[in-house]
Amino acid sequence: MTEEDVPIWIATEVHYWIDIFSLATWNVTIALDRVVLDNPNCLGWCQRNASYNHAVLHFRDDIEDTPKWRKVILHECLHILMARVDAYVQDAMQPQLAESSQDFAGMVYTQHTESFVQMLTAAFWRYYVERVGIEHGRS
C-alpha cells in the first residue's frame, strides 16, 4: 500500500499531532499493514530514526475512524516526540553495560517508555477532548 492509498482522515490526524508537538522538521510516512510487527494484536508501531528526523508510522490496515484508533495515532506520534530521548539512552547508556545485559536493559527501558507514552496519550486525549472540546470526527 502506498502513502497515496492512506485514507485522508489518517493523514490529517497524524499531521494534527505533528503540528501540536512541533515536529514539522520530521519526515513522517504512514504505512498500513495487514499485520504490524508480526503480531495480529498490535495496532500500531513507530519506526524512527532520530539522526535523520524520519519516522514511519505503521498501522493495521483495518484501521477505522473511531476514538480508539485516533488514540493509537496519538500514541504513535508521541513515540516520534520521544525519539531523541530514546536514541540518547540507547547510544549513551547501553554501551556502558555488559553485552549480556544490554538486551535486558533495552527491554526494561522499552516497557517503562511504553507505559509512560500510554499515560501521555491518556492525558493529551483528555485535555484535547474534554478541555479544548475537540471531538471525534473533527475536520
Protein backbone atom coordinates (compact mmCIF):
# COMPACT_ATOMS: atom_id res chain seq x y z
CA MET A 1 0.00 0.00 0.00
CA THR A 2 1.39 3.40 -0.92
CA GLU A 3 1.05 6.62 1.05
CA GLU A 4 -1.44 7.80 -1.57
CA ASP A 5 -3.70 4.91 -0.51
CA VAL A 6 -3.83 6.09 3.11
CA PRO A 7 -7.27 7.49 3.97
CA ILE A 8 -7.21 11.27 4.30
CA TRP A 9 -8.53 11.22 7.87
CA ILE A 10 -5.45 9.25 8.99
CA ALA A 11 -3.01 11.65 7.34
CA THR A 12 -4.95 14.61 8.75
CA GLU A 13 -4.86 13.15 12.28
CA VAL A 14 -1.13 12.39 12.06
CA HIS A 15 -0.35 15.89 10.80
CA TYR A 16 -2.55 17.42 13.51
CA TRP A 17 -0.39 15.83 16.25
CA ILE A 18 2.85 16.51 14.36
CA ASP A 19 1.87 20.18 14.42
CA ILE A 20 0.87 20.13 18.12
CA PHE A 21 4.24 18.56 19.03
CA SER A 22 6.25 20.93 16.76
CA LEU A 23 7.69 18.06 14.74
CA ALA A 24 7.46 19.75 11.35
CA THR A 25 11.15 19.01 10.65
CA TRP A 26 10.37 15.29 10.67
CA ASN A 27 9.64 13.33 7.51
CA VAL A 28 6.75 11.11 8.58
CA THR A 29 5.43 8.32 6.37
CA ILE A 30 2.28 6.32 7.05
CA ALA A 31 2.06 2.62 6.24
CA LEU A 32 -0.96 0.36 6.54
CA ASP A 33 -0.01 -3.28 7.13
CA ARG A 34 -2.07 -6.42 7.36
CA VAL A 35 -0.07 -7.37 10.48
CA VAL A 36 2.16 -4.99 12.46
CA LEU A 37 5.39 -6.39 13.93
CA ASP A 38 4.26 -9.95 13.18
CA ASN A 39 1.66 -9.58 15.94
CA PRO A 40 -2.01 -9.64 14.93
CA ASN A 41 -2.90 -7.85 18.20
CA CYS A 42 -0.52 -4.93 17.58
CA LEU A 43 -2.45 -1.87 16.38
CA GLY A 44 0.49 0.40 15.55
CA TRP A 45 4.22 0.88 15.63
CA CYS A 46 6.50 3.87 15.20
CA GLN A 47 9.75 3.11 13.37
CA ARG A 48 12.07 6.07 13.98
CA ASN A 49 15.48 7.37 13.06
CA ALA A 50 16.23 10.43 15.20
CA SER A 51 19.50 11.11 13.37
CA TYR A 52 17.62 11.77 10.15
CA ASN A 53 14.29 13.04 11.55
CA HIS A 54 12.49 10.22 9.77
CA ALA A 55 9.64 8.09 11.05
CA VAL A 56 7.31 5.51 9.58
CA LEU A 57 4.02 5.07 11.37
CA HIS A 58 2.67 1.57 10.82
CA PHE A 59 -1.00 0.86 11.47
CA ARG A 60 -3.08 -2.23 10.86
CA ASP A 61 -4.95 -1.98 7.60
CA ASP A 62 -8.30 -2.47 9.36
CA ILE A 63 -7.95 0.98 10.98
CA GLU A 64 -11.25 2.86 11.28
CA ASP A 65 -12.15 6.43 12.13
CA THR A 66 -13.00 5.83 15.79
CA PRO A 67 -11.75 7.32 19.06
CA LYS A 68 -9.85 4.08 19.77
CA TRP A 69 -7.87 4.34 16.55
CA ARG A 70 -7.35 8.10 16.93
CA LYS A 71 -5.75 7.35 20.32
CA VAL A 72 -3.47 4.82 18.60
CA ILE A 73 -2.40 7.53 16.15
CA LEU A 74 -1.73 9.95 19.03
CA HIS A 75 0.23 7.26 20.86
CA GLU A 76 2.47 6.55 17.87
CA CYS A 77 3.05 10.29 17.28
CA LEU A 78 4.19 10.58 20.89
CA HIS A 79 6.83 7.96 20.10
CA ILE A 80 8.19 10.36 17.47
CA LEU A 81 8.33 13.06 20.15
CA MET A 82 10.30 10.65 22.37
CA ALA A 83 12.73 9.63 19.61
CA ARG A 84 15.69 11.75 20.71
CA VAL A 85 15.41 10.69 24.36
CA ASP A 86 15.19 7.05 23.33
CA ALA A 87 18.17 7.40 20.99
CA TYR A 88 20.20 9.08 23.72
CA VAL A 89 19.51 6.28 26.19
CA GLN A 90 20.40 3.65 23.62
CA ASP A 91 23.53 5.41 22.32
CA ALA A 92 24.90 6.75 25.60
CA MET A 93 23.80 4.28 28.23
CA GLN A 94 23.66 0.83 26.68
CA PRO A 95 27.36 0.73 25.66
CA GLN A 96 28.18 1.19 29.36
CA LEU A 97 26.55 -2.15 30.11
CA ALA A 98 27.96 -5.60 29.65
CA GLU A 99 26.82 -7.09 26.35
CA SER A 100 24.86 -9.77 28.20
CA SER A 101 22.85 -7.04 29.99
CA GLN A 102 22.11 -4.79 27.01
CA ASP A 103 19.07 -6.69 25.69
CA PHE A 104 17.55 -6.91 29.15
CA ALA A 105 18.15 -3.20 29.83
CA GLY A 106 16.63 -2.32 26.46
CA MET A 107 13.56 -4.44 27.21
CA VAL A 108 13.08 -2.82 30.63
CA TYR A 109 13.53 0.66 29.17
CA THR A 110 11.01 -0.11 26.41
CA GLN A 111 8.46 -1.35 28.95
CA HIS A 112 8.78 1.84 31.01
CA THR A 113 8.73 4.05 27.93
CA GLU A 114 5.62 2.31 26.61
CA SER A 115 3.87 2.80 29.94
CA PHE A 116 4.88 6.49 30.01
CA VAL A 117 3.70 7.06 26.42
CA GLN A 118 0.39 5.39 27.29
CA MET A 119 -0.04 7.81 30.23
CA LEU A 120 0.81 10.77 27.99
CA THR A 121 -1.69 9.51 25.41
CA ALA A 122 -4.45 9.43 28.02
CA ALA A 123 -3.51 12.90 29.31
CA PHE A 124 -3.37 14.53 25.86
CA TRP A 125 -6.61 12.83 24.84
CA ARG A 126 -8.40 14.05 27.99
CA TYR A 127 -7.06 17.58 27.53
CA TYR A 128 -7.92 17.90 23.86
CA VAL A 129 -11.32 16.22 24.09
CA GLU A 130 -12.54 17.40 27.48
CA ARG A 131 -10.89 20.82 27.95
CA VAL A 132 -10.37 22.08 24.42
CA GLY A 133 -13.56 20.44 23.21
CA ILE A 134 -12.14 18.70 20.17
CA GLU A 135 -14.42 15.81 19.41
CA HIS A 136 -14.06 12.63 17.41
CA GLY A 137 -14.61 13.36 13.75
CA ARG A 138 -13.10 16.84 13.83
CA SER A 139 -12.07 18.20 10.47
